[in-house]
Protein backbone atom coordinates (compact mmCIF):
# COMPACT_ATOMS: atom_id res chain seq x y z
CA MET A 1 20.06 -6.38 -0.36
CA LEU A 2 22.74 -4.37 -2.06
CA GLN A 3 26.20 -4.53 -0.53
CA ASP A 4 27.81 -1.38 -1.84
CA THR A 5 31.51 -0.53 -2.05
CA VAL A 6 33.33 2.80 -2.06
CA GLU A 7 34.58 2.13 -5.60
CA VAL A 8 31.11 1.42 -7.02
CA ASP A 9 28.97 3.79 -4.90
CA ALA A 10 25.75 2.18 -6.14
CA TRP A 11 23.76 3.79 -3.31
CA GLY A 12 24.90 7.21 -4.50
CA ALA A 13 24.29 6.42 -8.16
CA TRP A 14 20.79 5.13 -7.41
CA GLN A 15 20.16 7.88 -4.84
CA VAL A 16 18.77 5.40 -2.30
CA GLU A 17 18.76 5.28 1.47
CA TRP A 18 18.74 2.53 4.06
CA ARG A 19 15.53 0.42 3.78
CA ASP A 20 14.58 1.68 0.32
CA LEU A 21 12.76 -0.98 -1.67
CA VAL A 22 13.48 -0.44 -5.36
CA ILE A 23 11.01 -2.06 -7.76
CA LEU A 24 12.47 -2.80 -11.20
CA ASP A 25 10.82 -3.92 -14.42
CA ALA A 26 12.11 -6.70 -16.66
CA GLU A 27 14.59 -4.28 -18.25
CA ASN A 28 15.92 -3.21 -14.83
CA LYS A 29 14.30 0.22 -15.09
CA VAL A 30 13.03 1.70 -11.84
CA VAL A 31 9.25 1.51 -11.47
CA GLY A 32 9.20 2.90 -7.94
CA VAL A 33 11.06 3.34 -4.68
CA ILE A 34 9.44 2.90 -1.28
CA ASN A 35 11.23 3.43 2.00
CA LEU A 36 10.16 0.70 4.40
CA THR A 37 10.90 2.85 7.43
CA ASP A 38 8.39 5.44 6.22
CA HIS A 39 5.95 2.86 4.80
CA ASP A 40 5.61 0.11 7.42
CA LEU A 41 4.49 -3.13 5.77
CA GLU A 42 2.34 -3.93 8.79
CA LEU A 43 -0.13 -1.40 7.37
CA PRO A 44 -2.36 -2.86 4.64
CA GLU A 45 -2.26 0.31 2.53
CA ASN A 46 1.52 0.07 2.28
CA VAL A 47 1.38 -3.60 1.27
CA LYS A 48 -1.18 -2.62 -1.37
CA LEU A 49 1.14 0.08 -2.70
CA VAL A 50 4.04 -2.39 -3.02
CA ARG A 51 1.80 -4.92 -4.78
CA GLU A 52 0.59 -2.27 -7.22
CA LEU A 53 4.16 -1.29 -8.09
CA VAL A 54 5.15 -4.94 -8.58
CA ALA A 55 2.12 -5.46 -10.83
CA GLU A 56 3.07 -2.36 -12.82
CA ALA A 57 6.62 -3.67 -13.20
CA GLN A 58 5.31 -7.00 -14.49
CA GLU A 59 3.13 -5.24 -17.07
CA ARG A 60 6.06 -3.36 -18.60
């Protein structure tokens, strides 16, 4: 979880919202962003989507 500060404004720089899951590759480049409010992880299709993005990040 990112604890942002006014001076850094990482949330603004990354253009993320509360409950955004940001998937990064080994070079810290964004592979994908999924909002966990909109994509409830109790639903198997959402878990599958997260796993696919993590796999893609590992392949890079």
